[in-house]
Amino acid sequence: MTTTYAVLSEGLEKSFGAVHALRGLDLAVAEGTVCGLLGPNGAGKTTAVRLLTTLLRPDAGSARIAGHDLVREAAAVRRRIGVTGQYASVDGDLTGRQNLRLCARLLRVRGPAERAGELLERFGLTEAADRPASTYSGGMRRRLDLAASLIRRPDVLFLDEPTTGLDPASRNHIRDAVRELKADGTTVLLTTQYLEEADQLADDIAVVDRGRVAHHGSPAQLKTLIGAYAEVVVADPDALGKAAAVLGRLTGGEPVFDRDRNAVGAVTSDPTLTLPRLVRELDASAVPLADAGLRQPTLDDVFLRLTGDSTGSEELVA
């Protein structure tokens, strides 16, 4: 079966003077999926979104968005996409309803009043529809902002950290909306600071580091890159060295000490390692055990392992 890509870029580059924000970005997002774009601050995520939404022109490389060339058919790209940035862009002096009707008129959408009413209901804003947006909570403003980006029913929706700064309930509203959009066939490219959000929502994840996609795959595939994490807490701090030797032999990983907790841990490259086996080996080596655990990696573990403390250039120019 042939995969159709809603976003496909090859070798995108962008510099700001001597600062190289993107150094050859290759990205492929299949139609009707959610792709999480992750990376440390300054990795190039926001620059990538600005390029792919025609807000910036690439210095080199090419991209097609919803079947249209990013540079030669920029106007057609803009007609097929929706964008929600990091900060709500609604007009606080207008009501929620007026904001959406204005957007609909500017985009020449038929039945602007009806479309505004549909979106207000979809995002749970009907009761507040005729209040000035300045009176909305942060979560409500973000929902209104997202509703505005959907006025024209985009094929591809770009969400640049849409839940940053929101309370858990408001983040859940946005996440539910993303799931509904995917179910409706919309392709979503999502950048987020909340890795559990990407874990829950994304079909595929692209880890951007120093202006390139360093790793990509499903959340489950990326987790297999680093293996499970084994940790041992000893009853006698003098036994930490012995416990570390056992862990190193069983896992093949480099032991990491937490001396405040009398603990040592290591990432295992052995998929067959089990907790009972770990405990038996520690007991055989006469390690006075207080606790032991073996857990699967989280996306946070993956992110830290794959990107480390690296930073790129975007924070200097964004």
C-alpha atoms as a PDB file:
ATOM      1  CA  MET A   1       0.000   0.000   0.000  1.00  0.00           C
ATOM      2  CA  THR A   2       1.391   3.401  -1.036  1.00  0.00           C
ATOM      3  CA  THR A   3       1.599   6.022   1.693  1.00  0.00           C
ATOM      4  CA  THR A   4       0.418   9.540   0.830  1.00  0.00           C
ATOM      5  CA  TYR A   5       2.198  12.279   2.720  1.00  0.00           C
ATOM      6  CA  ALA A   6       0.494  15.482   3.815  1.00  0.00           C
ATOM      7  CA  VAL A   7       3.855  17.018   4.760  1.00  0.00           C
ATOM      8  CA  LEU A   8       7.020  16.023   2.939  1.00  0.00           C
ATOM      9  CA  SER A   9      10.234  18.005   3.183  1.00  0.00           C
ATOM     10  CA  GLU A  10      13.731  17.287   1.923  1.00  0.00           C
ATOM     11  CA  GLY A  11      16.865  19.120   2.959  1.00  0.00           C
ATOM     12  CA  LEU A  12      15.198  22.275   4.279  1.00  0.00           C
ATOM     13  CA  GLU A  13      17.746  24.845   5.374  1.00  0.00           C
ATOM     14  CA  LYS A  14      17.350  28.235   7.004  1.00  0.00           C
ATOM     15  CA  SER A  15      19.960  30.605   8.360  1.00  0.00           C
ATOM     16  CA  PHE A  16      19.737  33.961  10.056  1.00  0.00           C
ATOM     17  CA  GLY A  17      23.072  35.569   9.323  1.00  0.00           C
ATOM     18  CA  ALA A  18      25.736  33.287  10.760  1.00  0.00           C
ATOM     19  CA  VAL A  19      23.171  31.312  12.749  1.00  0.00           C
ATOM     20  CA  HIS A  20      22.042  28.047  11.123  1.00  0.00           C
ATOM     21  CA  ALA A  21      18.563  27.254  12.426  1.00  0.00           C
ATOM     22  CA  LEU A  22      17.827  24.360  10.054  1.00  0.00           C
ATOM     23  CA  ARG A  23      20.581  22.262   8.506  1.00  0.00           C
ATOM     24  CA  GLY A  24      18.721  19.903   6.175  1.00  0.00           C
ATOM     25  CA  LEU A  25      15.343  18.985   7.643  1.00  0.00           C
ATOM     26  CA  ASP A  26      13.835  15.794   6.203  1.00  0.00           C
ATOM     27  CA  LEU A  27      10.290  15.184   7.376  1.00  0.00           C
ATOM     28  CA  ALA A  28       7.476  12.916   6.209  1.00  0.00           C
ATOM     29  CA  VAL A  29       4.003  13.045   7.789  1.00  0.00           C
ATOM     30  CA  ALA A  30       1.413  10.614   6.453  1.00  0.00           C
ATOM     31  CA  GLU A  31      -2.096  11.854   5.740  1.00  0.00           C
ATOM     32  CA  GLY A  32      -4.559  11.521   8.601  1.00  0.00           C
ATOM     33  CA  THR A  33      -1.909  11.058  11.298  1.00  0.00           C
ATOM     34  CA  VAL A  34      -0.556  13.071  14.210  1.00  0.00           C
ATOM     35  CA  CYS A  35       3.181  13.744  14.102  1.00  0.00           C
ATOM     36  CA  GLY A  36       4.957  15.042  17.186  1.00  0.00           C
ATOM     37  CA  LEU A  37       7.909  17.332  16.495  1.00  0.00           C
ATOM     38  CA  LEU A  38      10.131  17.194  19.569  1.00  0.00           C
ATOM     39  CA  GLY A  39      13.502  18.627  20.427  1.00  0.00           C
ATOM     40  CA  PRO A  40      15.404  20.723  22.975  1.00  0.00           C
ATOM     41  CA  ASN A  41      15.077  24.498  23.048  1.00  0.00           C
ATOM     42  CA  GLY A  42      16.849  25.920  20.039  1.00  0.00           C
ATOM     43  CA  ALA A  43      16.713  22.682  18.011  1.00  0.00           C
ATOM     44  CA  GLY A  44      14.807  24.279  15.126  1.00  0.00           C
ATOM     45  CA  LYS A  45      11.202  23.261  15.794  1.00  0.00           C
ATOM     46  CA  THR A  46       9.609  26.707  15.595  1.00  0.00           C
ATOM     47  CA  THR A  47      11.693  27.657  12.576  1.00  0.00           C
ATOM     48  CA  ALA A  48      10.521  24.445  10.897  1.00  0.00           C
ATOM     49  CA  VAL A  49       6.866  25.301  11.598  1.00  0.00           C
ATOM     50  CA  ARG A  50       7.347  28.833  10.273  1.00  0.00           C
ATOM     51  CA  LEU A  51       8.858  27.472   7.081  1.00  0.00           C
ATOM     52  CA  LEU A  52       6.229  24.786   6.540  1.00  0.00           C
ATOM     53  CA  THR A  53       3.427  27.314   7.033  1.00  0.00           C
ATOM     54  CA  THR A  54       4.957  29.775   4.493  1.00  0.00           C
ATOM     55  CA  LEU A  55       5.829  32.381   7.147  1.00  0.00           C
ATOM     56  CA  LEU A  56       9.496  32.021   6.199  1.00  0.00           C
ATOM     57  CA  ARG A  57      11.133  31.142   2.893  1.00  0.00           C
ATOM     58  CA  PRO A  58      13.731  28.328   2.963  1.00  0.00           C
ATOM     59  CA  ASP A  59      17.296  29.020   1.875  1.00  0.00           C
ATOM     60  CA  ALA A  60      17.563  25.536   0.367  1.00  0.00           C
ATOM     61  CA  GLY A  61      15.629  22.298   0.094  1.00  0.00           C
ATOM     62  CA  SER A  62      12.036  21.647  -0.871  1.00  0.00           C
ATOM     63  CA  ALA A  63       8.711  20.688   0.667  1.00  0.00           C
ATOM     64  CA  ARG A  64       5.191  19.790  -0.367  1.00  0.00           C
ATOM     65  CA  ILE A  65       2.254  20.495   1.916  1.00  0.00           C
ATOM     66  CA  ALA A  66      -1.099  18.873   1.083  1.00  0.00           C
ATOM     67  CA  GLY A  67       0.253  18.186  -2.392  1.00  0.00           C
ATOM     68  CA  HIS A  68       1.450  21.746  -3.108  1.00  0.00           C
ATOM     69  CA  ASP A  69       4.976  23.056  -3.450  1.00  0.00           C
ATOM     70  CA  LEU A  70       5.883  25.171  -0.436  1.00  0.00           C
ATOM     71  CA  VAL A  71       7.536  27.965  -2.422  1.00  0.00           C
ATOM     72  CA  ARG A  72       5.964  27.931  -5.894  1.00  0.00           C
ATOM     73  CA  GLU A  73       2.430  27.337  -4.610  1.00  0.00           C
ATOM     74  CA  ALA A  74       2.542  29.180  -1.301  1.00  0.00           C
ATOM     75  CA  ALA A  75      -0.959  30.628  -1.705  1.00  0.00           C
ATOM     76  CA  ALA A  76      -2.400  27.154  -2.332  1.00  0.00           C
ATOM     77  CA  VAL A  77      -0.567  25.829   0.740  1.00  0.00           C
ATOM     78  CA  ARG A  78      -2.075  28.564   2.878  1.00  0.00           C
ATOM     79  CA  ARG A  79      -5.560  27.625   1.680  1.00  0.00           C
ATOM     80  CA  ARG A  80      -5.054  24.021   2.813  1.00  0.00           C
ATOM     81  CA  ILE A  81      -3.574  24.552   6.276  1.00  0.00           C
ATOM     82  CA  GLY A  82      -4.496  25.862   9.708  1.00  0.00           C
ATOM     83  CA  VAL A  83      -2.033  27.228  12.269  1.00  0.00           C
ATOM     84  CA  THR A  84      -2.206  27.723  16.010  1.00  0.00           C
ATOM     85  CA  GLY A  85       0.917  29.321  17.461  1.00  0.00           C
ATOM     86  CA  GLN A  86       2.346  29.362  20.949  1.00  0.00           C
ATOM     87  CA  TYR A  87       0.195  32.284  22.065  1.00  0.00           C
ATOM     88  CA  ALA A  88      -3.499  32.954  21.575  1.00  0.00           C
ATOM     89  CA  SER A  89      -4.013  35.450  18.765  1.00  0.00           C
ATOM     90  CA  VAL A  90      -7.700  36.240  19.268  1.00  0.00           C
ATOM     91  CA  ASP A  91      -8.920  39.837  19.624  1.00  0.00           C
ATOM     92  CA  GLY A  92      -9.779  40.435  23.270  1.00  0.00           C
ATOM     93  CA  ASP A  93     -12.141  43.304  22.462  1.00  0.00           C
ATOM     94  CA  LEU A  94     -14.357  41.056  20.341  1.00  0.00           C
ATOM     95  CA  THR A  95     -16.601  38.317  21.650  1.00  0.00           C
ATOM     96  CA  GLY A  96     -15.807  34.706  20.895  1.00  0.00           C
ATOM     97  CA  ARG A  97     -18.545  34.637  18.288  1.00  0.00           C
ATOM     98  CA  GLN A  98     -17.334  37.862  16.670  1.00  0.00           C
ATOM     99  CA  ASN A  99     -13.770  36.529  16.489  1.00  0.00           C
ATOM    100  CA  LEU A 100     -14.850  33.425  14.624  1.00  0.00           C
ATOM    101  CA  ARG A 101     -17.267  35.248  12.317  1.00  0.00           C
ATOM    102  CA  LEU A 102     -14.555  37.749  11.441  1.00  0.00           C
ATOM    103  CA  CYS A 103     -12.132  34.925  10.593  1.00  0.00           C
ATOM    104  CA  ALA A 104     -14.785  33.238   8.476  1.00  0.00           C
ATOM    105  CA  ARG A 105     -15.467  36.425   6.535  1.00  0.00           C
ATOM    106  CA  LEU A 106     -11.761  37.123   5.964  1.00  0.00           C
ATOM    107  CA  LEU A 107     -11.347  33.579   4.640  1.00  0.00           C
ATOM    108  CA  ARG A 108     -14.516  33.897   2.538  1.00  0.00           C
ATOM    109  CA  VAL A 109     -16.141  30.895   4.145  1.00  0.00           C
ATOM    110  CA  ARG A 110     -19.779  30.411   3.247  1.00  0.00           C
ATOM    111  CA  GLY A 111     -22.221  30.846   6.116  1.00  0.00           C
ATOM    112  CA  PRO A 112     -19.814  32.533   8.555  1.00  0.00           C
ATOM    113  CA  ALA A 113     -22.405  32.727  11.351  1.00  0.00           C
ATOM    114  CA  GLU A 114     -23.269  29.047  11.036  1.00  0.00           C
ATOM    115  CA  ARG A 115     -19.619  27.985  10.921  1.00  0.00           C
ATOM    116  CA  ALA A 116     -18.821  30.092  13.981  1.00  0.00           C
ATOM    117  CA  GLY A 117     -21.732  28.494  15.859  1.00  0.00           C
ATOM    118  CA  GLU A 118     -20.530  24.977  14.936  1.00  0.00           C
ATOM    119  CA  LEU A 119     -17.055  25.618  16.269  1.00  0.00           C
ATOM    120  CA  LEU A 120     -18.236  27.344  19.430  1.00  0.00           C
ATOM    121  CA  GLU A 121     -20.308  24.266  20.228  1.00  0.00           C
ATOM    122  CA  ARG A 122     -17.520  21.865  19.299  1.00  0.00           C
ATOM    123  CA  PHE A 123     -15.095  23.527  21.697  1.00  0.00           C
ATOM    124  CA  GLY A 124     -17.531  24.033  24.559  1.00  0.00           C
ATOM    125  CA  LEU A 125     -17.657  27.816  24.213  1.00  0.00           C
ATOM    126  CA  THR A 126     -21.336  28.352  23.440  1.00  0.00           C
ATOM    127  CA  GLU A 127     -22.213  29.766  26.877  1.00  0.00           C
ATOM    128  CA  ALA A 128     -19.334  32.252  26.664  1.00  0.00           C
ATOM    129  CA  ALA A 129     -19.810  33.013  22.970  1.00  0.00           C
ATOM    130  CA  ASP A 130     -21.106  36.563  23.471  1.00  0.00           C
ATOM    131  CA  ARG A 131     -18.609  37.619  26.123  1.00  0.00           C
ATOM    132  CA  PRO A 132     -15.460  39.572  25.186  1.00  0.00           C
ATOM    133  CA  ALA A 133     -12.534  37.195  24.675  1.00  0.00           C
ATOM    134  CA  SER A 134     -10.566  39.281  27.179  1.00  0.00           C
ATOM    135  CA  THR A 135     -12.768  37.779  29.915  1.00  0.00           C
ATOM    136  CA  TYR A 136     -11.897  34.195  28.911  1.00  0.00           C
ATOM    137  CA  SER A 137      -9.532  32.019  30.895  1.00  0.00           C
ATOM    138  CA  GLY A 138      -6.259  30.980  29.298  1.00  0.00           C
ATOM    139  CA  GLY A 139      -7.666  27.599  28.375  1.00  0.00           C
ATOM    140  CA  MET A 140     -10.763  29.123  26.802  1.00  0.00           C
ATOM    141  CA  ARG A 141      -8.671  31.546  24.748  1.00  0.00           C
ATOM    142  CA  ARG A 142      -6.552  28.671  23.468  1.00  0.00           C
ATOM    143  CA  ARG A 143      -9.680  26.733  22.504  1.00  0.00           C
ATOM    144  CA  LEU A 144     -11.020  29.801  20.702  1.00  0.00           C
ATOM    145  CA  ASP A 145      -7.676  30.182  18.939  1.00  0.00           C
ATOM    146  CA  LEU A 146      -7.796  26.547  17.839  1.00  0.00           C
ATOM    147  CA  ALA A 147     -11.384  26.982  16.653  1.00  0.00           C
ATOM    148  CA  ALA A 148     -10.278  29.943  14.549  1.00  0.00           C
ATOM    149  CA  SER A 149      -7.590  27.836  12.865  1.00  0.00           C
ATOM    150  CA  LEU A 150     -10.288  25.334  11.848  1.00  0.00           C
ATOM    151  CA  ILE A 151     -12.652  27.828  10.224  1.00  0.00           C
ATOM    152  CA  ARG A 152     -11.762  26.612   6.742  1.00  0.00           C
ATOM    153  CA  ARG A 153     -11.531  22.884   7.618  1.00  0.00           C
ATOM    154  CA  PRO A 154      -7.802  22.536   6.902  1.00  0.00           C
ATOM    155  CA  ASP A 155      -6.223  19.401   5.499  1.00  0.00           C
ATOM    156  CA  VAL A 156      -3.143  19.965   7.649  1.00  0.00           C
ATOM    157  CA  LEU A 157      -3.135  21.644  11.069  1.00  0.00           C
ATOM    158  CA  PHE A 158       0.078  22.963  12.626  1.00  0.00           C
ATOM    159  CA  LEU A 159      -0.022  23.246  16.423  1.00  0.00           C
ATOM    160  CA  ASP A 160       3.033  24.935  17.935  1.00  0.00           C
ATOM    161  CA  GLU A 161       2.989  24.179  21.687  1.00  0.00           C
ATOM    162  CA  PRO A 162      -0.783  24.683  21.950  1.00  0.00           C
ATOM    163  CA  THR A 163      -1.065  23.593  25.601  1.00  0.00           C
ATOM    164  CA  THR A 164       1.912  25.422  27.110  1.00  0.00           C
ATOM    165  CA  GLY A 165       0.939  27.171  30.333  1.00  0.00           C
ATOM    166  CA  LEU A 166      -2.529  25.612  30.547  1.00  0.00           C
ATOM    167  CA  ASP A 167      -3.960  23.782  33.538  1.00  0.00           C
ATOM    168  CA  PRO A 168      -4.489  19.995  33.224  1.00  0.00           C
ATOM    169  CA  ALA A 169      -8.214  20.304  32.441  1.00  0.00           C
ATOM    170  CA  SER A 170      -7.574  22.794  29.629  1.00  0.00           C
ATOM    171  CA  ARG A 171      -4.769  20.615  28.230  1.00  0.00           C
ATOM    172  CA  ASN A 172      -7.191  17.692  28.154  1.00  0.00           C
ATOM    173  CA  HIS A 173      -9.702  19.769  26.145  1.00  0.00           C
ATOM    174  CA  ILE A 174      -7.044  20.501  23.527  1.00  0.00           C
ATOM    175  CA  ARG A 175      -5.874  16.887  23.443  1.00  0.00           C
ATOM    176  CA  ASP A 176      -9.432  15.654  22.947  1.00  0.00           C
ATOM    177  CA  ALA A 177      -9.796  18.118  20.076  1.00  0.00           C
ATOM    178  CA  VAL A 178      -6.642  16.749  18.424  1.00  0.00           C
ATOM    179  CA  ARG A 179      -8.006  13.207  18.668  1.00  0.00           C
ATOM    180  CA  GLU A 180     -11.282  14.306  17.083  1.00  0.00           C
ATOM    181  CA  LEU A 181      -9.441  16.064  14.261  1.00  0.00           C
ATOM    182  CA  LYS A 182      -7.434  12.948  13.512  1.00  0.00           C
ATOM    183  CA  ALA A 183     -10.636  10.872  13.506  1.00  0.00           C
ATOM    184  CA  ASP A 184     -12.045  13.327  10.949  1.00  0.00           C
ATOM    185  CA  GLY A 185      -9.014  12.787   8.698  1.00  0.00           C
ATOM    186  CA  THR A 186      -7.058  15.961   9.488  1.00  0.00           C
ATOM    187  CA  THR A 187      -3.273  15.651   9.549  1.00  0.00           C
ATOM    188  CA  VAL A 188      -1.732  17.300  12.616  1.00  0.00           C
ATOM    189  CA  LEU A 189       1.866  18.409  13.131  1.00  0.00           C
ATOM    190  CA  LEU A 190       2.332  19.069  16.838  1.00  0.00           C
ATOM    191  CA  THR A 191       5.192  20.592  18.782  1.00  0.00           C
ATOM    192  CA  THR A 192       4.892  20.320  22.542  1.00  0.00           C
ATOM    193  CA  GLN A 193       6.855  20.672  25.764  1.00  0.00           C
ATOM    194  CA  TYR A 194       4.803  17.887  27.372  1.00  0.00           C
ATOM    195  CA  LEU A 195       6.295  14.576  26.298  1.00  0.00           C
ATOM    196  CA  GLU A 196       3.431  12.535  27.732  1.00  0.00           C
ATOM    197  CA  GLU A 197       1.206  14.553  25.404  1.00  0.00           C
ATOM    198  CA  ALA A 198       3.199  13.403  22.386  1.00  0.00           C
ATOM    199  CA  ASP A 199       3.199   9.865  23.764  1.00  0.00           C
ATOM    200  CA  GLN A 200      -0.610   9.892  23.991  1.00  0.00           C
ATOM    201  CA  LEU A 201      -1.398  11.656  20.723  1.00  0.00           C
ATOM    202  CA  ALA A 202       1.321  11.025  18.162  1.00  0.00           C
ATOM    203  CA  ASP A 203       1.380   8.182  15.663  1.00  0.00           C
ATOM    204  CA  ASP A 204       4.899   9.173  14.726  1.00  0.00           C
ATOM    205  CA  ILE A 205       7.547  11.318  16.386  1.00  0.00           C
ATOM    206  CA  ALA A 206      10.405  13.230  14.803  1.00  0.00           C
ATOM    207  CA  VAL A 207      13.160  14.225  17.229  1.00  0.00           C
ATOM    208  CA  VAL A 208      14.817  17.400  15.958  1.00  0.00           C
ATOM    209  CA  ASP A 209      18.331  18.178  17.128  1.00  0.00           C
ATOM    210  CA  ARG A 210      20.633  20.904  15.760  1.00  0.00           C
ATOM    211  CA  GLY A 211      18.349  21.650  12.843  1.00  0.00           C
ATOM    212  CA  ARG A 212      17.913  18.089  11.581  1.00  0.00           C
ATOM    213  CA  VAL A 213      15.614  15.153  12.294  1.00  0.00           C
ATOM    214  CA  ALA A 214      17.946  12.990  14.352  1.00  0.00           C
ATOM    215  CA  HIS A 215      15.487  10.145  15.061  1.00  0.00           C
ATOM    216  CA  HIS A 216      11.979   9.270  13.997  1.00  0.00           C
ATOM    217  CA  GLY A 217       9.468   6.509  14.638  1.00  0.00           C
ATOM    218  CA  SER A 218       6.426   5.690  16.719  1.00  0.00           C
ATOM    219  CA  PRO A 219       6.672   6.296  20.481  1.00  0.00           C
ATOM    220  CA  ALA A 220       7.020   2.535  21.011  1.00  0.00           C
ATOM    221  CA  GLN A 221       9.786   2.272  18.397  1.00  0.00           C
ATOM    222  CA  LEU A 222      11.754   5.130  19.936  1.00  0.00           C
ATOM    223  CA  LYS A 223      11.505   3.582  23.390  1.00  0.00           C
ATOM    224  CA  THR A 224      13.141   0.408  22.116  1.00  0.00           C
ATOM    225  CA  LEU A 225      16.224   2.457  21.256  1.00  0.00           C
ATOM    226  CA  ILE A 226      17.205   2.857  24.895  1.00  0.00           C
ATOM    227  CA  GLY A 227      15.828  -0.249  26.607  1.00  0.00           C
ATOM    228  CA  ALA A 228      14.332  -0.721  30.052  1.00  0.00           C
ATOM    229  CA  TYR A 229      15.767   0.842  33.202  1.00  0.00           C
ATOM    230  CA  ALA A 230      16.846  -1.325  36.129  1.00  0.00           C
ATOM    231  CA  GLU A 231      17.357   0.221  39.574  1.00  0.00           C
ATOM    232  CA  VAL A 232      18.584  -1.249  42.839  1.00  0.00           C
ATOM    233  CA  VAL A 233      18.339   0.315  46.321  1.00  0.00           C
ATOM    234  CA  VAL A 234      20.710  -1.255  48.840  1.00  0.00           C
ATOM    235  CA  ALA A 235      20.314  -1.532  52.605  1.00  0.00           C
ATOM    236  CA  ASP A 236      24.021  -0.834  53.155  1.00  0.00           C
ATOM    237  CA  PRO A 237      25.659   2.044  51.234  1.00  0.00           C
ATOM    238  CA  ASP A 238      28.943   0.143  51.243  1.00  0.00           C
ATOM    239  CA  ALA A 239      27.292  -2.376  48.921  1.00  0.00           C
ATOM    240  CA  LEU A 240      26.616   0.141  46.131  1.00  0.00           C
ATOM    241  CA  GLY A 241      29.766  -0.827  44.276  1.00  0.00           C
ATOM    242  CA  LYS A 242      28.873  -4.522  44.370  1.00  0.00           C
ATOM    243  CA  ALA A 243      25.329  -3.763  43.199  1.00  0.00           C
ATOM    244  CA  ALA A 244      26.701  -1.623  40.355  1.00  0.00           C
ATOM    245  CA  ALA A 245      28.938  -4.488  39.233  1.00  0.00           C
ATOM    246  CA  VAL A 246      25.941  -6.847  39.078  1.00  0.00           C
ATOM    247  CA  LEU A 247      23.869  -4.287  37.161  1.00  0.00           C
ATOM    248  CA  GLY A 248      26.665  -3.597  34.721  1.00  0.00           C
ATOM    249  CA  ARG A 249      27.099  -7.301  33.985  1.00  0.00           C
ATOM    250  CA  LEU A 250      23.377  -7.972  33.526  1.00  0.00           C
ATOM    251  CA  THR A 251      22.404  -4.844  31.607  1.00  0.00           C
ATOM    252  CA  GLY A 252      25.494  -3.989  29.613  1.00  0.00           C
ATOM    253  CA  GLY A 253      24.821  -0.377  30.570  1.00  0.00           C
ATOM    254  CA  GLU A 254      26.785   2.200  32.506  1.00  0.00           C
ATOM    255  CA  PRO A 255      25.603   2.298  36.152  1.00  0.00           C
ATOM    256  CA  VAL A 256      24.357   5.660  37.435  1.00  0.00           C
ATOM    257  CA  PHE A 257      24.564   6.308  41.178  1.00  0.00           C
ATOM    258  CA  ASP A 258      22.078   8.135  43.400  1.00  0.00           C
ATOM    259  CA  ARG A 259      23.973   8.089  46.683  1.00  0.00           C
ATOM    260  CA  ASP A 260      21.349  10.115  48.535  1.00  0.00           C
ATOM    261  CA  ARG A 261      18.964   7.172  48.087  1.00  0.00           C
ATOM    262  CA  ASN A 262      21.616   4.428  48.239  1.00  0.00           C
ATOM    263  CA  ALA A 263      20.526   3.530  44.722  1.00  0.00           C
ATOM    264  CA  VAL A 264      22.170   2.613  41.454  1.00  0.00           C
ATOM    265  CA  GLY A 265      20.531   2.148  38.084  1.00  0.00           C
ATOM    266  CA  ALA A 266      21.363   1.284  34.490  1.00  0.00           C
ATOM    267  CA  VAL A 267      19.660   1.059  31.108  1.00  0.00           C
ATOM    268  CA  THR A 268      19.574  -2.531  29.889  1.00  0.00           C
ATOM    269  CA  SER A 269      20.256  -3.612  26.339  1.00  0.00           C
ATOM    270  CA  ASP A 270      19.037  -7.139  27.185  1.00  0.00           C
ATOM    271  CA  PRO A 271      15.303  -7.453  26.360  1.00  0.00           C
ATOM    272  CA  THR A 272      15.146 -10.786  28.237  1.00  0.00           C
ATOM    273  CA  LEU A 273      16.164  -9.360  31.615  1.00  0.00           C
ATOM    274  CA  THR A 274      13.422  -9.847  34.206  1.00  0.00           C
ATOM    275  CA  LEU A 275      13.013  -8.587  37.749  1.00  0.00           C
ATOM    276  CA  PRO A 276      13.187 -12.101  39.311  1.00  0.00           C
ATOM    277  CA  ARG A 277      16.472 -12.751  37.531  1.00  0.00           C
ATOM    278  CA  LEU A 278      17.854  -9.412  38.701  1.00  0.00           C
ATOM    279  CA  VAL A 279      16.911 -10.163  42.314  1.00  0.00           C
ATOM    280  CA  ARG A 280      18.406 -13.676  42.134  1.00  0.00           C
ATOM    281  CA  GLU A 281      21.712 -12.357  40.819  1.00  0.00           C
ATOM    282  CA  LEU A 282      21.890  -9.681  43.515  1.00  0.00           C
ATOM    283  CA  ASP A 283      21.136 -12.272  46.185  1.00  0.00           C
ATOM    284  CA  ALA A 284      23.809 -14.607  44.794  1.00  0.00           C
ATOM    285  CA  SER A 285      26.317 -11.754  45.049  1.00  0.00           C
ATOM    286  CA  ALA A 286      25.285 -11.097  48.685  1.00  0.00           C
ATOM    287  CA  VAL A 287      23.991  -7.610  47.985  1.00  0.00           C
ATOM    288  CA  PRO A 288      21.809  -6.442  50.943  1.00  0.00           C
ATOM    289  CA  LEU A 289      18.751  -5.436  48.960  1.00  0.00           C
ATOM    290  CA  ALA A 290      16.208  -2.835  50.113  1.00  0.00           C
ATOM    291  CA  ASP A 291      14.341  -2.521  46.808  1.00  0.00           C
ATOM    292  CA  ALA A 292      14.682  -3.301  43.124  1.00  0.00           C
ATOM    293  CA  GLY A 293      12.719  -2.341  40.039  1.00  0.00           C
ATOM    294  CA  LEU A 294      12.667  -2.764  36.287  1.00  0.00           C
ATOM    295  CA  ARG A 295      10.592  -0.296  34.282  1.00  0.00           C
ATOM    296  CA  GLN A 296      10.051   0.436  30.647  1.00  0.00           C
ATOM    297  CA  PRO A 297      11.422   3.780  29.446  1.00  0.00           C
ATOM    298  CA  THR A 298       9.200   6.813  29.142  1.00  0.00           C
ATOM    299  CA  LEU A 299       9.325   9.280  26.288  1.00  0.00           C
ATOM    300  CA  ASP A 300      11.120  11.614  28.715  1.00  0.00           C
ATOM    301  CA  ASP A 301      13.891   9.004  29.014  1.00  0.00           C
ATOM    302  CA  VAL A 302      14.054   8.738  25.230  1.00  0.00           C
ATOM    303  CA  PHE A 303      14.193  12.504  24.794  1.00  0.00           C
ATOM    304  CA  LEU A 304      16.980  12.988  27.328  1.00  0.00           C
ATOM    305  CA  ARG A 305      19.004  10.086  25.983  1.00  0.00           C
ATOM    306  CA  LEU A 306      18.687  11.089  22.322  1.00  0.00           C
ATOM    307  CA  THR A 307      19.193  14.826  22.712  1.00  0.00           C
ATOM    308  CA  GLY A 308      21.224  15.140  25.922  1.00  0.00           C
ATOM    309  CA  ASP A 309      21.951  18.753  26.810  1.00  0.00           C
ATOM    310  CA  SER A 310      22.436  19.839  23.222  1.00  0.00           C
ATOM    311  CA  THR A 311      20.983  23.101  22.021  1.00  0.00           C
ATOM    312  CA  GLY A 312      20.879  24.504  18.574  1.00  0.00           C
ATOM    313  CA  SER A 313      20.558  28.042  17.321  1.00  0.00           C
ATOM    314  CA  GLU A 314      16.861  28.711  17.195  1.00  0.00           C
ATOM    315  CA  GLU A 315      16.658  30.288  20.639  1.00  0.00           C
ATOM    316  CA  LEU A 316      19.045  32.958  19.367  1.00  0.00           C
ATOM    317  CA  VAL A 317      16.812  33.922  16.482  1.00  0.00           C
ATOM    318  CA  ALA A 318      13.216  32.946  17.350  1.00  0.00           C
END
